[in-house]
């Protein structure tokens, strides 16, 4: 449960930073992928922000 809350808090902060509350808006990036194997499948992705020399990415 703690991991879910932490992840949700990070996403909320990224959205707040992306809305331009402290200056020019930063456009977030979203990557998603689905994999299929012989006996399994998986879904994953990441959400990220890029501004100047700083990058913040959250993978799931």
PDB file of N, CA and C in Angstrom:
ATOM      1  N   UNK A   1       0.820  -1.186   0.000  1.00  0.00           N
ATOM      2  CA  UNK A   1       0.000   0.000   0.000  1.00  0.00           C
ATOM      3  C   UNK A   1       0.868   1.256   0.000  1.00  0.00           C
ATOM      4  N   UNK A   2       1.997   1.216   0.678  1.00  0.00           N
ATOM      5  CA  UNK A   2       2.879   2.372   0.739  1.00  0.00           C
ATOM      6  C   UNK A   2       3.447   2.695  -0.632  1.00  0.00           C
ATOM      7  N   UNK A   3       3.770   1.687  -1.418  1.00  0.00           N
ATOM      8  CA  UNK A   3       4.297   1.905  -2.760  1.00  0.00           C
ATOM      9  C   UNK A   3       3.267   2.607  -3.632  1.00  0.00           C
ATOM     10  N   UNK A   4       2.018   2.239  -3.497  1.00  0.00           N
ATOM     11  CA  UNK A   4       0.956   2.875  -4.278  1.00  0.00           C
ATOM     12  C   UNK A   4       0.817   4.340  -3.885  1.00  0.00           C
ATOM     13  N   UNK A   5       0.830   4.624  -2.614  1.00  0.00           N
ATOM     14  CA  UNK A   5       0.714   6.011  -2.153  1.00  0.00           C
ATOM     15  C   UNK A   5       1.905   6.839  -2.596  1.00  0.00           C
ATOM     16  N   UNK A   6       3.102   6.282  -2.505  1.00  0.00           N
ATOM     17  CA  UNK A   6       4.301   6.995  -2.939  1.00  0.00           C
ATOM     18  C   UNK A   6       4.250   7.269  -4.430  1.00  0.00           C
ATOM     19  N   UNK A   7       3.862   6.280  -5.201  1.00  0.00           N
ATOM     20  CA  UNK A   7       3.759   6.450  -6.651  1.00  0.00           C
ATOM     21  C   UNK A   7       2.722   7.507  -6.998  1.00  0.00           C
ATOM     22  N   UNK A   8       1.597   7.479  -6.321  1.00  0.00           N
ATOM     23  CA  UNK A   8       0.547   8.459  -6.564  1.00  0.00           C
ATOM     24  C   UNK A   8       1.024   9.867  -6.211  1.00  0.00           C
ATOM     25  N   UNK A   9       1.770  10.003  -5.127  1.00  0.00           N
ATOM     26  CA  UNK A   9       2.294  11.310  -4.737  1.00  0.00           C
ATOM     27  C   UNK A   9       3.273  11.845  -5.775  1.00  0.00           C
ATOM     28  N   UNK A  10       4.134  10.991  -6.304  1.00  0.00           N
ATOM     29  CA  UNK A  10       5.095  11.412  -7.324  1.00  0.00           C
ATOM     30  C   UNK A  10       4.369  11.846  -8.588  1.00  0.00           C
ATOM     31  N   UNK A  11       3.365  11.096  -8.992  1.00  0.00           N
ATOM     32  CA  UNK A  11       2.594  11.454 -10.185  1.00  0.00           C
ATOM     33  C   UNK A  11       1.874  12.784  -9.974  1.00  0.00           C
ATOM     34  N   UNK A  12       1.294  12.985  -8.803  1.00  0.00           N
ATOM     35  CA  UNK A  12       0.612  14.250  -8.516  1.00  0.00           C
ATOM     36  C   UNK A  12       1.577  15.425  -8.557  1.00  0.00           C
ATOM     37  N   UNK A  13       2.766  15.257  -8.012  1.00  0.00           N
ATOM     38  CA  UNK A  13       3.766  16.319  -8.065  1.00  0.00           C
ATOM     39  C   UNK A  13       4.211  16.594  -9.491  1.00  0.00           C
ATOM     40  N   UNK A  14       4.350  15.555 -10.295  1.00  0.00           N
ATOM     41  CA  UNK A  14       4.736  15.737 -11.695  1.00  0.00           C
ATOM     42  C   UNK A  14       3.655  16.494 -12.460  1.00  0.00           C
ATOM     43  N   UNK A  15       2.403  16.175 -12.194  1.00  0.00           N
ATOM     44  CA  UNK A  15       1.296  16.881 -12.855  1.00  0.00           C
ATOM     45  C   UNK A  15       1.264  18.333 -12.413  1.00  0.00           C
ATOM     46  N   UNK A  16       1.463  18.589 -11.134  1.00  0.00           N
ATOM     47  CA  UNK A  16       1.484  19.957 -10.631  1.00  0.00           C
ATOM     48  C   UNK A  16       2.617  20.748 -11.266  1.00  0.00           C
ATOM     49  N   UNK A  17       3.784  20.151 -11.373  1.00  0.00           N
ATOM     50  CA  UNK A  17       4.913  20.835 -12.004  1.00  0.00           C
ATOM     51  C   UNK A  17       4.653  21.051 -13.488  1.00  0.00           C
ATOM     52  N   UNK A  18       3.954  20.127 -14.107  1.00  0.00           N
ATOM     53  CA  UNK A  18       3.679  20.230 -15.532  1.00  0.00           C
ATOM     54  C   UNK A  18       2.600  21.238 -15.878  1.00  0.00           C
ATOM     55  N   UNK A  19       1.798  21.655 -14.919  1.00  0.00           N
ATOM     56  CA  UNK A  19       0.703  22.572 -15.229  1.00  0.00           C
ATOM     57  C   UNK A  19       1.170  24.012 -15.328  1.00  0.00           C
ATOM     58  N   UNK A  20       2.419  24.299 -14.980  1.00  0.00           N
ATOM     59  CA  UNK A  20       2.937  25.656 -15.097  1.00  0.00           C
ATOM     60  C   UNK A  20       2.706  26.499 -13.863  1.00  0.00           C
ATOM     61  N   UNK A  21       2.499  25.892 -12.713  1.00  0.00           N
ATOM     62  CA  UNK A  21       2.243  26.644 -11.492  1.00  0.00           C
ATOM     63  C   UNK A  21       3.431  27.507 -11.091  1.00  0.00           C
ATOM     64  N   UNK A  22       4.639  27.120 -11.472  1.00  0.00           N
ATOM     65  CA  UNK A  22       5.832  27.871 -11.092  1.00  0.00           C
ATOM     66  C   UNK A  22       6.544  28.473 -12.299  1.00  0.00           C
ATOM     67  N   UNK A  23       5.875  28.648 -13.408  1.00  0.00           N
ATOM     68  CA  UNK A  23       6.501  29.208 -14.609  1.00  0.00           C
ATOM     69  C   UNK A  23       5.896  28.594 -15.854  1.00  0.00           C
ATOM     70  N   UNK A  24       6.697  28.529 -16.893  1.00  0.00           N
ATOM     71  CA  UNK A  24       6.237  27.972 -18.158  1.00  0.00           C
ATOM     72  C   UNK A  24       5.900  26.492 -18.000  1.00  0.00           C
ATOM     73  N   UNK A  25       4.792  26.040 -18.594  1.00  0.00           N
ATOM     74  CA  UNK A  25       4.415  24.625 -18.476  1.00  0.00           C
ATOM     75  C   UNK A  25       5.457  23.689 -19.088  1.00  0.00           C
ATOM     76  N   UNK A  26       5.609  22.530 -18.474  1.00  0.00           N
ATOM     77  CA  UNK A  26       6.517  21.500 -18.968  1.00  0.00           C
ATOM     78  C   UNK A  26       5.654  20.360 -19.489  1.00  0.00           C
ATOM     79  N   UNK A  27       5.865  19.979 -20.732  1.00  0.00           N
ATOM     80  CA  UNK A  27       5.062  18.909 -21.315  1.00  0.00           C
ATOM     81  C   UNK A  27       5.612  17.559 -20.877  1.00  0.00           C
ATOM     82  N   UNK A  28       4.789  16.739 -20.225  1.00  0.00           N
ATOM     83  CA  UNK A  28       5.262  15.416 -19.798  1.00  0.00           C
ATOM     84  C   UNK A  28       5.344  14.459 -20.981  1.00  0.00           C
ATOM     85  N   UNK A  29       6.132  13.415 -20.814  1.00  0.00           N
ATOM     86  CA  UNK A  29       6.208  12.366 -21.836  1.00  0.00           C
ATOM     87  C   UNK A  29       5.632  11.081 -21.254  1.00  0.00           C
ATOM     88  N   UNK A  30       5.069  10.259 -22.120  1.00  0.00           N
ATOM     89  CA  UNK A  30       4.451   9.006 -21.707  1.00  0.00           C
ATOM     90  C   UNK A  30       4.896   7.914 -22.659  1.00  0.00           C
ATOM     91  N   UNK A  31       5.419   6.839 -22.113  1.00  0.00           N
ATOM     92  CA  UNK A  31       5.810   5.672 -22.901  1.00  0.00           C
ATOM     93  C   UNK A  31       5.063   4.463 -22.356  1.00  0.00           C
ATOM     94  N   UNK A  32       4.528   3.644 -23.253  1.00  0.00           N
ATOM     95  CA  UNK A  32       3.816   2.436 -22.843  1.00  0.00           C
ATOM     96  C   UNK A  32       4.231   1.288 -23.746  1.00  0.00           C
ATOM     97  N   UNK A  33       4.288   0.090 -23.181  1.00  0.00           N
ATOM     98  CA  UNK A  33       4.617  -1.084 -23.981  1.00  0.00           C
ATOM     99  C   UNK A  33       3.891  -2.319 -23.448  1.00  0.00           C
ATOM    100  N   UNK A  34       3.607  -3.213 -24.371  1.00  0.00           N
ATOM    101  CA  UNK A  34       2.959  -4.484 -24.062  1.00  0.00           C
ATOM    102  C   UNK A  34       3.809  -5.572 -24.682  1.00  0.00           C
ATOM    103  N   UNK A  35       4.104  -6.607 -23.925  1.00  0.00           N
ATOM    104  CA  UNK A  35       4.897  -7.721 -24.440  1.00  0.00           C
ATOM    105  C   UNK A  35       4.152  -9.034 -24.313  1.00  0.00           C
ATOM    106  N   UNK A  36       4.308  -9.862 -25.308  1.00  0.00           N
ATOM    107  CA  UNK A  36       3.691 -11.186 -25.299  1.00  0.00           C
ATOM    108  C   UNK A  36       4.780 -12.231 -25.460  1.00  0.00           C
ATOM    109  N   UNK A  37       4.755 -13.239 -24.612  1.00  0.00           N
ATOM    110  CA  UNK A  37       5.709 -14.335 -24.694  1.00  0.00           C
ATOM    111  C   UNK A  37       4.983 -15.649 -24.907  1.00  0.00           C
ATOM    112  N   UNK A  38       5.736 -16.725 -24.879  1.00  0.00           N
ATOM    113  CA  UNK A  38       5.143 -18.037 -25.074  1.00  0.00           C
ATOM    114  C   UNK A  38       4.127 -18.402 -24.011  1.00  0.00           C
ATOM    115  N   UNK A  39       4.407 -18.060 -22.760  1.00  0.00           N
ATOM    116  CA  UNK A  39       3.487 -18.434 -21.689  1.00  0.00           C
ATOM    117  C   UNK A  39       3.102 -17.251 -20.803  1.00  0.00           C
ATOM    118  N   UNK A  40       3.461 -16.029 -21.209  1.00  0.00           N
ATOM    119  CA  UNK A  40       3.144 -14.879 -20.364  1.00  0.00           C
ATOM    120  C   UNK A  40       3.010 -13.615 -21.207  1.00  0.00           C
ATOM    121  N   UNK A  41       2.501 -12.591 -20.568  1.00  0.00           N
ATOM    122  CA  UNK A  41       2.423 -11.274 -21.188  1.00  0.00           C
ATOM    123  C   UNK A  41       2.687 -10.241 -20.101  1.00  0.00           C
ATOM    124  N   UNK A  42       3.083  -9.052 -20.512  1.00  0.00           N
ATOM    125  CA  UNK A  42       3.337  -8.006 -19.535  1.00  0.00           C
ATOM    126  C   UNK A  42       2.990  -6.647 -20.129  1.00  0.00           C
ATOM    127  N   UNK A  43       2.699  -5.715 -19.244  1.00  0.00           N
ATOM    128  CA  UNK A  43       2.381  -4.343 -19.614  1.00  0.00           C
ATOM    129  C   UNK A  43       3.270  -3.451 -18.773  1.00  0.00           C
ATOM    130  N   UNK A  44       3.827  -2.435 -19.359  1.00  0.00           N
ATOM    131  CA  UNK A  44       4.677  -1.517 -18.627  1.00  0.00           C
ATOM    132  C   UNK A  44       4.659  -0.157 -19.281  1.00  0.00           C
ATOM    133  N   UNK A  45       5.308   0.786 -18.637  1.00  0.00           N
ATOM    134  CA  UNK A  45       5.369   2.121 -19.194  1.00  0.00           C
ATOM    135  C   UNK A  45       6.110   3.056 -18.269  1.00  0.00           C
ATOM    136  N   UNK A  46       6.162   4.321 -18.672  1.00  0.00           N
ATOM    137  CA  UNK A  46       6.805   5.330 -17.849  1.00  0.00           C
ATOM    138  C   UNK A  46       6.200   6.693 -18.146  1.00  0.00           C
ATOM    139  N   UNK A  47       6.276   7.558 -17.162  1.00  0.00           N
ATOM    140  CA  UNK A  47       5.848   8.944 -17.278  1.00  0.00           C
ATOM    141  C   UNK A  47       7.047   9.777 -16.888  1.00  0.00           C
ATOM    142  N   UNK A  48       7.316  10.829 -17.639  1.00  0.00           N
ATOM    143  CA  UNK A  48       8.496  11.609 -17.334  1.00  0.00           C
ATOM    144  C   UNK A  48       8.348  13.080 -17.639  1.00  0.00           C
ATOM    145  N   UNK A  49       9.229  13.859 -17.027  1.00  0.00           N
ATOM    146  CA  UNK A  49       9.339  15.289 -17.265  1.00  0.00           C
ATOM    147  C   UNK A  49      10.780  15.607 -17.606  1.00  0.00           C
ATOM    148  N   UNK A  50      10.963  16.525 -18.541  1.00  0.00           N
ATOM    149  CA  UNK A  50      12.309  16.932 -18.943  1.00  0.00           C
ATOM    150  C   UNK A  50      12.345  18.451 -18.977  1.00  0.00           C
ATOM    151  N   UNK A  51      13.258  19.028 -18.223  1.00  0.00           N
ATOM    152  CA  UNK A  51      13.419  20.485 -18.222  1.00  0.00           C
ATOM    153  C   UNK A  51      14.890  20.798 -18.027  1.00  0.00           C
ATOM    154  N   UNK A  52      15.498  21.371 -19.046  1.00  0.00           N
ATOM    155  CA  UNK A  52      16.916  21.695 -18.984  1.00  0.00           C
ATOM    156  C   UNK A  52      17.735  20.439 -18.771  1.00  0.00           C
ATOM    157  N   UNK A  53      18.656  20.481 -17.820  1.00  0.00           N
ATOM    158  CA  UNK A  53      19.501  19.304 -17.578  1.00  0.00           C
ATOM    159  C   UNK A  53      18.851  18.261 -16.662  1.00  0.00           C
ATOM    160  N   UNK A  54      17.628  18.504 -16.219  1.00  0.00           N
ATOM    161  CA  UNK A  54      16.979  17.617 -15.254  1.00  0.00           C
ATOM    162  C   UNK A  54      15.913  16.755 -15.919  1.00  0.00           C
ATOM    163  N   UNK A  55      15.907  15.479 -15.569  1.00  0.00           N
ATOM    164  CA  UNK A  55      14.909  14.526 -16.045  1.00  0.00           C
ATOM    165  C   UNK A  55      14.329  13.795 -14.848  1.00  0.00           C
ATOM    166  N   UNK A  56      13.027  13.596 -14.855  1.00  0.00           N
ATOM    167  CA  UNK A  56      12.350  12.836 -13.814  1.00  0.00           C
ATOM    168  C   UNK A  56      11.447  11.828 -14.500  1.00  0.00           C
ATOM    169  N   UNK A  57      11.682  10.545 -14.260  1.00  0.00           N
ATOM    170  CA  UNK A  57      10.882   9.487 -14.871  1.00  0.00           C
ATOM    171  C   UNK A  57      10.386   8.528 -13.805  1.00  0.00           C
ATOM    172  N   UNK A  58       9.151   8.087 -13.978  1.00  0.00           N
ATOM    173  CA  UNK A  58       8.541   7.099 -13.096  1.00  0.00           C
ATOM    174  C   UNK A  58       8.101   5.937 -13.960  1.00  0.00           C
ATOM    175  N   UNK A  59       8.677   4.763 -13.725  1.00  0.00           N
ATOM    176  CA  UNK A  59       8.320   3.575 -14.495  1.00  0.00           C
ATOM    177  C   UNK A  59       7.328   2.719 -13.747  1.00  0.00           C
ATOM    178  N   UNK A  60       6.470   2.068 -14.499  1.00  0.00           N
ATOM    179  CA  UNK A  60       5.481   1.173 -13.889  1.00  0.00           C
ATOM    180  C   UNK A  60       5.271  -0.021 -14.769  1.00  0.00           C
TER     181      UNK A  60
END
